[in-house]
Protein backbone atom coordinates (compact mmCIF):
# COMPACT_ATOMS: atom_id res chain seq x y z
CA MET A 1 44.19 -37.23 19.12
CA ASP A 2 46.62 -34.33 20.09
CA ASN A 3 47.74 -31.59 17.65
CA GLU A 4 51.03 -33.34 16.91
CA GLN A 5 49.13 -36.53 15.89
CA ARG A 6 46.63 -34.49 13.77
CA LYS A 7 49.61 -32.71 12.01
CA LYS A 8 51.29 -36.00 11.29
CA LEU A 9 48.21 -37.42 9.84
CA GLU A 10 47.69 -34.26 7.70
CA ILE A 11 51.15 -34.58 6.15
CA LEU A 12 50.75 -38.07 5.53
CA LEU A 13 47.23 -37.52 3.67
CA VAL A 14 48.96 -34.77 1.74
CA THR A 15 51.54 -37.10 0.70
CA TYR A 16 48.94 -39.58 -0.28
CA LEU A 17 47.05 -37.17 -2.28
CA ASP A 18 49.87 -36.04 -4.41
CA GLY A 19 50.80 -39.67 -5.26
CA SER A 20 54.22 -39.90 -3.40
CA ALA A 21 53.11 -41.98 -0.49
CA THR A 22 54.83 -45.26 0.05
CA GLU A 23 53.36 -48.60 1.19
CA GLN A 24 54.67 -47.82 4.66
CA GLN A 25 53.07 -44.42 4.86
CA CYS A 26 49.80 -45.96 3.65
CA ALA A 27 49.90 -48.54 6.49
CA GLU A 28 50.64 -45.82 8.87
CA ILE A 29 47.54 -44.01 7.73
CA ASP A 30 45.58 -47.38 8.04
CA GLY A 31 46.70 -47.73 11.60
CA ILE A 32 46.06 -44.22 12.65
CA LEU A 33 42.41 -44.34 11.54
CA ALA A 34 41.88 -47.72 13.00
CA GLU A 35 42.85 -46.43 16.54
CA SER A 36 41.13 -43.04 16.48
CA LEU A 37 37.64 -42.10 15.75
CA GLU A 38 38.66 -38.44 16.08
CA ALA A 39 41.22 -39.36 13.35
CA CYS A 40 38.38 -40.73 11.20
CA GLN A 41 36.31 -37.56 11.35
CA PHE A 42 39.50 -35.51 10.66
CA TYR A 43 40.01 -37.61 7.52
CA CYS A 44 36.40 -36.93 6.40
CA GLU A 45 36.96 -33.18 6.94
CA PHE A 46 40.45 -33.14 5.29
CA MET A 47 39.18 -35.01 2.28
CA GLN A 48 36.21 -32.94 1.87
CA ILE A 49 38.18 -29.69 1.76
CA ALA A 50 40.94 -31.24 -0.50
CA MET A 51 38.63 -32.88 -2.96
CA GLY A 52 35.74 -30.34 -2.73
CA VAL A 53 33.29 -32.96 -3.67
CA TRP A 54 33.01 -35.47 -0.79
CA GLN A 55 29.81 -34.93 1.30
CA VAL A 56 29.98 -36.65 4.63
CA ASP A 57 26.92 -38.75 5.54
CA VAL A 58 25.91 -37.20 8.79
CA ILE A 59 23.55 -40.03 9.67
CA GLY A 60 26.18 -42.51 9.15
CA MET A 61 28.57 -40.67 11.28
CA GLN A 62 26.07 -40.77 14.21
CA LEU A 63 25.53 -44.39 13.64
CA MET A 64 29.30 -44.99 13.70
CA GLN A 65 29.49 -43.21 17.10
CA GLN A 66 26.65 -45.29 18.57
CA ASN A 67 28.46 -48.73 18.31
CA GLN A 68 31.75 -50.21 17.37
CA GLN A 69 30.38 -52.39 14.59
CA ASN A 70 29.35 -49.40 12.77
CA ARG A 71 32.64 -47.86 13.27
CA SER A 72 34.46 -50.91 11.85
CA VAL A 73 32.21 -50.62 8.78
CA PHE A 74 33.16 -46.97 8.38
CA LEU A 75 36.90 -47.98 8.58
CA GLU A 76 36.47 -50.44 5.87
CA VAL A 77 34.91 -47.89 3.66
CA ILE A 78 37.96 -45.73 4.28
CA ASN A 79 40.25 -48.46 3.50
CA GLU A 80 38.21 -48.96 0.29
CA ASP A 81 38.42 -45.29 -0.68
CA ILE A 82 42.05 -45.16 -0.03
CA SER A 83 42.94 -48.51 -1.95
CA ARG A 84 40.88 -47.39 -4.93
CA ASN A 85 42.28 -43.87 -4.70
CA ARG A 86 39.03 -42.22 -5.46
CA LEU A 87 36.05 -40.36 -3.92
CA PRO A 88 32.55 -39.93 -5.57
CA ASP A 89 32.62 -37.64 -8.66
CA LYS A 90 36.51 -37.13 -8.46
CA GLN A 91 39.28 -39.28 -10.10
CA LEU A 92 42.97 -39.01 -8.93
CA GLU A 93 46.14 -40.41 -10.49
CA PRO A 94 47.06 -44.14 -9.46
CA LYS A 95 48.39 -44.50 -5.99
CA PRO A 96 49.95 -47.39 -4.13
CA LYS A 97 47.07 -49.81 -3.46
CA ILE A 98 46.46 -51.02 0.07
CA SER A 99 45.25 -54.62 -1.01
CA ASN A 100 48.60 -55.73 0.05
CA ARG A 101 48.09 -54.39 3.40
CA VAL A 102 44.73 -56.22 3.96
CA SER A 103 45.04 -59.68 4.89
CA SER A 104 43.23 -62.47 2.69
CA VAL A 105 41.43 -63.49 5.80
CA SER A 106 39.83 -60.01 6.29
CA ARG A 107 39.04 -59.76 2.42
CA SER A 108 37.36 -63.17 2.65
CA ALA A 109 35.46 -62.49 5.88
CA VAL A 110 34.34 -59.01 5.10
CA PRO A 111 32.27 -58.10 1.96
CA PRO A 112 32.81 -55.31 -0.14
CA LEU A 113 31.60 -52.94 2.57
CA GLY A 114 32.53 -49.60 0.91
CA ALA A 115 30.24 -50.50 -1.81
CA PHE A 116 27.47 -51.53 0.60
CA LEU A 117 27.78 -48.53 2.83
CA ARG A 118 27.68 -46.20 -0.25
CA LEU A 119 24.69 -47.84 -1.18
CA PHE A 120 23.24 -47.85 2.25
CA GLY A 121 24.05 -43.83 2.46
CA ALA A 122 22.29 -43.40 -0.97
CA ILE A 123 19.23 -45.28 0.28
CA THR A 124 19.16 -43.32 3.52
CA THR A 125 19.56 -40.09 1.38
CA LEU A 126 16.78 -41.03 -0.96
CA VAL A 127 14.48 -42.00 2.11
CA MET A 128 15.22 -38.65 3.60
CA ILE A 129 14.62 -36.71 0.35
CA GLY A 130 11.46 -38.89 -0.19
CA PHE A 131 10.20 -37.98 3.49
CA ILE A 132 10.91 -34.24 2.96
CA LEU A 133 9.31 -34.15 -0.50
CA ASN A 134 6.14 -35.77 1.02
CA GLN A 135 6.03 -33.02 3.75
CA LEU A 136 6.60 -30.37 1.08
CA THR A 137 3.86 -32.03 -1.05
CA ASP A 138 1.45 -31.27 1.88
CA PHE A 139 3.02 -27.92 2.93
CA ILE A 140 3.69 -26.27 -0.19
CA PRO A 141 0.15 -26.04 -1.61
CA ALA A 142 -1.05 -25.22 1.89
CA TYR A 143 1.50 -22.26 2.14
CA ARG A 144 0.55 -21.08 -1.36
CA ALA A 145 -3.02 -21.39 -0.51
CA THR A 146 -2.63 -19.32 2.87
CA GLU A 147 -0.35 -16.73 0.83
CA ARG A 148 -3.21 -16.33 -1.68
CA ARG A 149 -5.72 -16.17 1.05
CA LEU A 150 -3.74 -13.50 2.87
CA GLU A 151 -3.10 -11.28 -0.14
CA VAL A 152 -6.50 -9.60 -0.79
CA ALA A 153 -5.73 -6.45 -2.73
CA LYS A 154 -3.05 -4.29 -4.25
CA VAL A 155 -2.05 -0.60 -4.10
CA PHE A 156 -2.61 0.77 -7.59
CA ARG A 157 -1.87 4.43 -6.85
CA VAL A 158 -1.44 6.93 -3.92
CA LEU A 159 -1.76 10.67 -3.99
CA LYS A 160 -0.83 13.04 -1.25
CA THR A 161 -1.23 10.68 1.54
CA ASN A 162 0.32 7.91 3.48
CA LEU A 163 -1.48 4.44 3.52
CA LYS A 164 -0.80 2.98 6.92
CA SER A 165 -1.62 -0.29 8.86
CA GLY A 166 -0.01 -0.15 12.27
CA SER A 167 3.36 0.93 11.74
CA ASN A 168 3.85 0.05 8.10
CA THR A 169 3.44 2.27 5.28
CA TYR A 170 2.34 1.19 1.91
CA THR A 171 2.76 2.60 -1.51
CA THR A 172 2.04 1.83 -5.10
CA GLY A 173 2.50 -1.83 -6.18
CA ASN A 174 2.55 -3.16 -2.59
CA LYS A 175 0.36 -6.11 -1.58
CA LEU A 176 -2.36 -5.70 1.15
CA MET A 177 -3.19 -8.35 3.57
CA PRO A 178 -6.41 -8.42 5.71
CA GLY A 179 -6.40 -5.79 8.37
CA LYS A 180 -7.15 -2.15 9.17
CA TYR A 181 -5.81 0.69 7.24
CA VAL A 182 -6.02 4.52 7.45
CA ILE A 183 -5.28 7.53 5.15
CA ASP A 184 -4.90 10.99 6.77
CA GLY A 185 -5.86 12.78 3.47
CA GLY A 186 -5.40 12.50 -0.26
CA PHE A 187 -6.42 9.45 -2.18
CA VAL A 188 -5.49 5.77 -2.60
CA GLU A 189 -6.59 3.46 -5.40
CA LEU A 190 -6.79 -0.30 -4.45
CA GLY A 191 -7.35 -3.21 -6.85
CA PHE A 192 -9.01 -6.24 -5.10
CA LEU A 193 -8.00 -9.68 -6.40
CA LYS A 194 -11.46 -10.51 -7.47
CA GLY A 195 -11.60 -7.38 -9.77
CA ALA A 196 -13.12 -4.54 -7.83
CA THR A 197 -11.38 -1.13 -8.16
CA VAL A 198 -11.81 1.10 -5.14
CA ILE A 199 -10.79 4.69 -4.65
CA VAL A 200 -10.53 5.81 -1.00
CA GLN A 201 -10.66 9.57 -0.10
CA GLY A 202 -8.88 10.74 3.00
CA PRO A 203 -9.08 11.02 5.78
CA SER A 204 -10.52 7.37 6.07
CA ALA A 205 -10.35 4.38 8.06
CA PHE A 206 -11.14 0.93 6.41
CA VAL A 207 -10.71 -2.75 7.00
CA LEU A 208 -9.83 -5.21 4.21
CA VAL A 209 -11.65 -8.57 4.96
CA ASP A 210 -11.21 -10.56 1.87
CA GLU A 211 -10.47 -10.51 -1.71
CA ASN A 212 -14.05 -9.11 -2.41
CA THR A 213 -15.17 -7.63 0.87
CA MET A 214 -14.08 -4.48 2.89
CA GLU A 215 -15.45 -2.43 5.80
CA LEU A 216 -15.65 1.17 5.71
CA GLU A 217 -15.37 2.51 9.24
CA GLN A 218 -15.26 6.18 8.55
CA GLY A 219 -14.65 8.30 5.38
CA ARG A 220 -15.61 8.08 1.69
CA LEU A 221 -14.89 5.76 -1.15
CA THR A 222 -15.88 5.03 -4.75
CA ALA A 223 -16.07 1.42 -6.08
CA LYS A 224 -16.19 0.08 -9.72
CA VAL A 225 -17.16 -3.44 -9.69
CA SER A 226 -16.53 -5.70 -12.91
CA ILE A 227 -18.78 -8.78 -13.72
CA GLU A 228 -16.13 -11.13 -12.15
CA ALA A 229 -16.31 -9.26 -8.88
CA GLN A 230 -20.18 -9.09 -8.72
CA GLY A 231 -21.05 -9.45 -5.09
CA PHE A 232 -18.44 -7.18 -3.80
CA THR A 233 -19.42 -5.98 -0.31
CA VAL A 234 -18.79 -2.90 1.68
CA LYS A 235 -19.68 -3.42 5.37
CA VAL A 236 -20.82 -0.23 7.13
CA PRO A 237 -21.83 0.51 10.79
CA ASN A 238 -25.05 -1.56 11.42
CA GLY A 239 -25.30 -2.76 7.77
CA GLU A 240 -23.59 -3.76 4.44
CA MET A 241 -23.76 -2.66 0.75
CA VAL A 242 -23.62 -5.56 -1.74
CA ASP A 243 -22.91 -4.79 -5.47
CA LEU A 244 -24.94 -6.26 -8.14
CA GLY A 245 -22.56 -5.19 -10.89
CA THR A 246 -22.20 -1.43 -10.59
CA GLU A 247 -20.39 1.82 -9.68
CA PHE A 248 -21.29 3.42 -6.44
CA GLY A 249 -20.10 5.62 -3.67
CA ILE A 250 -20.30 5.24 0.17
CA GLU A 251 -19.47 7.77 2.74
CA VAL A 252 -19.47 6.95 6.63
CA ASP A 253 -19.74 10.20 8.58
CA GLY A 254 -18.93 11.16 12.28
CA ASN A 255 -22.32 9.85 13.45
CA GLN A 256 -21.68 6.56 11.90
CA ASP A 257 -24.48 7.11 9.45
CA SER A 258 -23.84 5.75 5.97
CA ILE A 259 -24.73 7.40 2.64
CA LEU A 260 -24.95 5.31 -0.56
CA HIS A 261 -24.78 6.80 -3.94
CA VAL A 262 -25.45 4.42 -6.91
CA PHE A 263 -23.85 5.86 -10.21
CA ASP A 264 -24.50 2.92 -12.34
CA GLY A 265 -26.33 -0.50 -11.97
CA LYS A 266 -27.82 -1.65 -8.69
CA VAL A 267 -26.64 -2.24 -5.04
CA SER A 268 -28.40 -4.01 -2.25
CA ALA A 269 -28.47 -2.06 1.05
CA MET A 270 -29.03 -4.24 4.18
CA SER A 271 -29.29 -3.08 7.86
CA LYS A 272 -30.53 -4.25 11.20
CA LEU A 273 -33.58 -2.52 12.63
CA ASP A 274 -34.00 -1.54 16.20
CA SER A 275 -36.18 -4.75 16.46
CA GLY A 276 -33.20 -6.90 15.55
CA LYS A 277 -34.70 -7.85 12.14
CA ALA A 278 -32.59 -7.28 9.08
CA THR A 279 -34.10 -5.12 6.29
CA SER A 280 -32.87 -4.49 2.74
CA LYS A 281 -33.52 -2.24 -0.12
CA LEU A 282 -32.53 -2.36 -3.81
CA ILE A 283 -30.96 0.99 -4.88
CA THR A 284 -30.64 1.77 -8.50
CA GLU A 285 -28.86 4.36 -10.69
CA GLY A 286 -29.37 7.94 -9.75
CA GLN A 287 -30.59 7.17 -6.17
CA THR A 288 -29.22 7.92 -2.70
CA ARG A 289 -29.88 6.22 0.48
CA LYS A 290 -28.90 7.06 4.03
CA LEU A 291 -28.44 4.19 6.52
CA LEU A 292 -28.97 5.27 10.13
CA ALA A 293 -26.51 3.55 12.44
CA LYS A 294 -28.79 3.77 15.57
CA THR A 295 -32.22 2.69 14.06
CA GLY A 296 -31.17 0.68 10.95
CA ALA A 297 -33.66 2.87 8.95
CA ILE A 298 -32.73 3.35 5.29
CA ASP A 299 -34.04 6.87 4.13
CA SER A 300 -34.05 8.47 0.82
CA ILE A 301 -32.04 11.73 0.39
CA PRO A 302 -31.06 13.97 -2.60
CA PHE A 303 -28.59 12.55 -5.06
CA VAL A 304 -25.21 14.56 -4.95
CA SER A 305 -22.51 13.06 -7.08
CA GLY A 306 -19.89 15.77 -6.60
CA LYS A 307 -18.86 14.29 -3.28
CA PHE A 308 -17.14 11.22 -4.76
CA LEU A 309 -14.18 10.75 -6.89
CA ARG A 310 -15.22 8.68 -9.68
CA SER A 311 -11.99 8.59 -11.81
CA TRP A 312 -8.26 8.72 -10.82
CA GLY A 313 -7.71 11.58 -13.47
CA GLU A 314 -9.92 13.79 -11.38
CA ALA A 315 -7.72 13.09 -8.22
CA ASN A 316 -5.39 16.19 -8.97
CA TYR A 317 -8.55 18.41 -8.90
CA ARG A 318 -10.08 17.24 -5.61
CA LEU A 319 -9.89 19.34 -2.62
CA ILE A 320 -10.98 18.98 1.09
CA SER A 321 -13.14 21.45 2.41
CA GLN A 322 -13.97 21.95 5.92
CA GLY A 323 -16.29 24.45 8.00
CA GLN A 324 -18.89 26.26 6.59
CA VAL A 325 -17.85 25.62 2.82
CA VAL A 326 -18.94 23.29 0.27
CA TYR A 327 -17.58 22.52 -3.08
CA GLU A 328 -19.70 22.43 -6.37
CA GLU A 329 -18.16 21.07 -9.69
CA HIS A 330 -20.47 23.26 -11.83
CA LEU A 331 -21.30 26.76 -11.73
CA PRO A 332 -24.69 28.02 -11.90
CA ALA A 333 -26.01 30.31 -14.76
CA SER A 334 -25.74 33.39 -12.57
CA LEU A 335 -23.73 34.48 -9.57
CA GLU A 336 -25.35 37.72 -9.37
CA GLU A 337 -26.55 38.75 -5.99
CA ASP A 338 -29.61 36.74 -4.62
CA ALA A 339 -29.22 34.26 -7.57
CA ALA A 340 -27.42 31.45 -5.96
CA GLU A 341 -28.14 31.84 -2.17
CA ARG A 342 -27.27 29.44 0.66
CA TYR A 343 -28.10 29.49 4.31
CA GLY A 344 -24.98 29.88 6.34
CA LEU A 345 -22.64 28.61 3.79
CA ALA A 346 -19.77 29.49 1.30
CA VAL A 347 -19.62 27.66 -1.97
CA LEU A 348 -16.40 27.02 -3.94
CA TYR A 349 -16.85 26.77 -7.57
CA GLN A 350 -14.34 25.29 -10.09
CA GLU A 351 -14.09 27.88 -13.01
CA GLN A 352 -11.37 26.83 -15.32
CA ARG A 353 -8.59 24.30 -15.63
CA GLY A 354 -5.09 24.68 -17.42
CA VAL A 355 -5.32 28.40 -18.14
CA LYS A 356 -1.78 29.76 -19.32
CA LEU A 357 -1.04 33.22 -18.25
CA ASP A 358 -0.05 35.11 -21.31
CA GLN A 359 1.27 38.09 -19.19
CA ASP A 360 1.95 38.89 -15.64
CA MET A 361 -1.14 38.92 -13.61
CA ALA A 362 -1.71 41.35 -10.72
CA VAL A 363 -3.23 39.55 -7.58
CA SER A 364 -3.79 40.33 -3.82
CA LEU A 365 -1.93 37.42 -2.22
CA THR A 366 0.72 34.99 -3.32
CA ARG A 367 2.74 34.10 -0.27
CA PRO A 368 2.14 32.27 3.14
CA GLY A 369 0.82 34.25 5.74
CA THR A 370 -2.30 35.95 7.62
CA TYR A 371 -4.01 38.79 5.68
CA SER A 372 -6.97 41.07 6.25
CA SER A 373 -9.58 42.41 3.69
CA GLU A 374 -7.90 45.92 3.55
CA ILE A 375 -5.08 44.12 1.32
CA LYS A 376 -5.70 45.04 -2.39
CA ILE A 377 -3.42 44.46 -5.30
CA THR A 378 0.11 43.68 -3.92
CA ASP A 379 1.71 40.98 -5.88
CA ILE A 380 2.20 39.38 -9.37
CA VAL A 381 1.84 35.86 -10.80
CA PRO A 382 4.37 35.65 -13.57
CA LYS A 383 3.33 35.01 -17.03
CA ASP A 384 3.56 31.45 -18.53
CA ASN A 385 2.17 29.98 -15.33
CA ILE A 386 -0.58 27.48 -15.96
CA VAL A 387 -3.40 27.57 -13.41
CA ASP A 388 -6.83 26.40 -12.45
CA SER A 389 -9.24 28.97 -11.13
CA TYR A 390 -11.70 28.73 -8.39
CA LEU A 391 -14.39 31.19 -6.91
CA LEU A 392 -15.45 31.26 -3.39
CA HIS A 393 -18.90 32.62 -3.19
CA VAL A 394 -21.06 33.60 -0.23
CA ASP A 395 -24.62 34.82 -0.95
CA LEU A 396 -26.54 34.30 2.29
CA ALA A 397 -30.30 33.26 2.00
CA GLY A 398 -32.82 35.20 3.88
CA ARG A 399 -31.24 38.63 3.31
CA VAL A 400 -33.10 41.56 1.78
CA HIS A 401 -31.20 42.95 -1.12
CA GLY A 402 -29.55 46.32 -0.42
CA LYS A 403 -30.62 46.42 3.22
CA SER A 404 -28.07 46.24 6.13
CA GLN A 405 -29.13 43.54 8.52
CA GLY A 406 -25.95 42.93 10.52
CA ASP A 407 -23.00 40.65 9.51
CA GLU A 408 -23.04 36.90 9.79
CA TYR A 409 -19.73 35.15 10.32
CA ILE A 410 -18.72 32.47 7.77
CA ALA A 411 -15.55 30.28 8.38
CA GLY A 412 -13.84 27.42 6.75
CA SER A 413 -10.77 26.06 4.97
CA ILE A 414 -10.01 24.44 1.77
CA THR A 415 -6.91 22.19 1.04
CA PHE A 416 -5.91 21.63 -2.60
CA GLN A 417 -3.78 19.07 -4.12
CA ARG A 418 -1.35 21.67 -5.44
CA PRO A 419 -0.27 24.96 -4.13
CA VAL A 420 -2.18 28.33 -4.39
CA VAL A 421 -0.14 30.65 -6.69
CA GLY A 422 -2.40 33.85 -6.24
CA VAL A 423 -5.70 35.08 -4.59
CA ILE A 424 -7.69 38.09 -5.80
CA ILE A 425 -9.74 39.63 -3.14
CA ASP A 426 -10.73 43.11 -4.40
CA TYR A 427 -13.74 44.05 -6.54
CA PHE A 428 -11.82 45.55 -9.47
CA GLY A 429 -9.34 42.46 -9.52
CA LEU A 430 -12.40 40.19 -9.90
CA THR A 431 -14.27 42.08 -12.67
CA LYS A 432 -11.02 42.46 -14.60
CA THR A 433 -10.31 38.64 -14.67
CA ASP A 434 -13.98 37.30 -14.99
CA GLY A 435 -13.59 37.26 -18.82
CA PHE A 436 -10.11 35.30 -18.53
CA LEU A 437 -10.44 33.14 -15.63
CA GLY A 438 -14.13 32.88 -15.06
CA ASN A 439 -16.77 30.57 -16.79
CA ILE A 440 -18.09 32.11 -19.95
CA ASN A 441 -21.47 30.51 -19.37
CA THR A 442 -21.97 32.34 -15.92
CA ILE A 443 -23.12 35.88 -15.37
CA TYR A 444 -21.03 37.26 -12.44
CA GLY A 445 -22.84 40.66 -12.19
CA ASN A 446 -21.33 43.86 -10.71
CA SER A 447 -22.42 43.93 -7.15
CA GLU A 448 -20.44 46.18 -5.08
CA GLY A 449 -20.37 43.47 -2.59
CA ARG A 450 -18.15 41.40 -4.70
CA GLY A 451 -14.66 40.93 -3.10
CA LEU A 452 -13.93 41.30 0.54
CA VAL A 453 -15.22 44.37 2.29
CA GLU A 454 -15.26 45.74 5.78
CA GLY A 455 -17.92 44.34 7.97
CA THR A 456 -20.18 46.53 10.23
CA GLY A 457 -18.09 48.63 12.43
CA GLY A 458 -14.92 48.18 10.48
CA ILE A 459 -14.46 44.64 11.39
CA LEU A 460 -12.03 43.07 8.69
CA ASP A 461 -12.27 39.71 6.93
CA GLU A 462 -9.29 37.28 7.23
CA ILE A 463 -7.50 34.90 4.86
CA ILE A 464 -4.60 32.61 5.95
CA ILE A 465 -2.44 30.86 3.42
CA SER A 466 -0.51 27.87 4.88
CA GLU A 467 3.31 27.37 4.74
CA ASP A 468 3.08 24.78 1.92
CA ARG A 469 0.45 26.96 0.28
CA CYS A 470 -1.99 24.13 -0.27
CA THR A 471 -4.46 25.18 2.42
CA LEU A 472 -6.36 28.41 2.56
CA GLU A 473 -8.59 29.38 5.60
CA PHE A 474 -10.98 32.20 5.82
CA GLY A 475 -13.06 33.98 8.29
CA LEU A 476 -15.77 36.25 6.73
CA TYR A 477 -18.03 38.91 8.20
CA VAL A 478 -20.90 38.80 5.58
CA GLY A 479 -23.63 41.22 4.97
CA ASN A 480 -25.06 39.95 1.75
CA ILE A 481 -22.34 38.79 -0.69
CA ASP A 482 -18.70 38.15 -0.64
CA GLN A 483 -16.50 36.80 -3.15
CA PHE A 484 -12.82 36.06 -3.80
CA ARG A 485 -10.85 34.03 -6.65
CA ILE A 486 -8.24 31.38 -5.98
CA LEU A 487 -5.52 30.48 -8.61
CA VAL A 488 -4.10 27.05 -8.15
CA GLN A 489 -1.08 25.65 -9.79
CA SER A 490 -2.48 23.22 -12.63
CA PRO A 491 -0.98 19.56 -12.78
């Protein structure tokens, strides 16, 4: 069928559809369709576009192409459609009937094939729909079960970190599938489908196993487990911790040893011994155990709760300390010289939260940079700022009070969740702000060693404030005692 014939057929069909076709034109359409399969296909496409409702039965078309008998049946359907001047779901104005064009012999020999083929097409369609539905009946539940099985947890909240799995980054509200995840710092709160809530502290690496199981490869987490999630399991190197309805914290250190702190309820700690046998211990509220990765031994150690974040509200106040510095939430009754000694460590204490400055406050440092202990009062924190105050305290154990015994170098870094707005490093600045920024239940004393002073031979202490002002590094040459106060922007 060439372009000229196609154009002619198109004109005839348009004439037919607008109701002006003569008997001769109807017969001409009949003849073209009888002679050309391509014309039949064009007719279907044309009528589908013109009517907007006729859907071609593809299977019927394939059958028609396979043998001439099917083609004849198809032509009869076309004749029926033309003679009746209608297509499914669409009524047109009466047109010249083609009954006069069909011989009585043909009519008597051929049954109403239009109705038959439409019925056949309907049955074929129903069979196909039935087959598809049958497949979907098996597939959809399996798919949904797979989807449920794959989703094991959800991200509740993220603070100061990126939760990543491979090249993907996840944030609040995202669903989590089984796999390995890492955070480089900060905190992320996860909700497992079974009901356990876990706060992971960065840097950490962990694996989500299923809706009630995870593996902590390195880092720190706190878990609160509902009754429905009882049996929540945290796998660790060479062992696992199984919840019995409780709140607990787990840390896996650089040696792959695991530390378990039970805040409430009970936890079963299990490990493999060198002999290959498994051992388990029941750990209860207020107890701490250390599981040694190499031997599988489970040893008792002192209970230290301050290492773990137990509520998300505390996340804004958590910090990361590295080097020779530890963080303590509660101040001792006295910070006078020799009252709170530590061997080779600096201690950072939280003093107050949410203090509003009612006037400009003179401080030593406010800007990013590297500073030495010769800096005194050089800057101002404007009034109306709301700050949290911390005191870094170094009081070395084993030193004789008032006697010079050489300096010991203490170095470390502290990363806060919010920017440092001021640092006070001199004796007078500290004593002047003790009453306002310090803890009223702590005696600070008046040791001349307070503040940062020159070390033996004029060696200077050093403080570095990062560009984002969230990290403070220090290197101190300590004789007996050193102190400085840090003001951090309050949330």
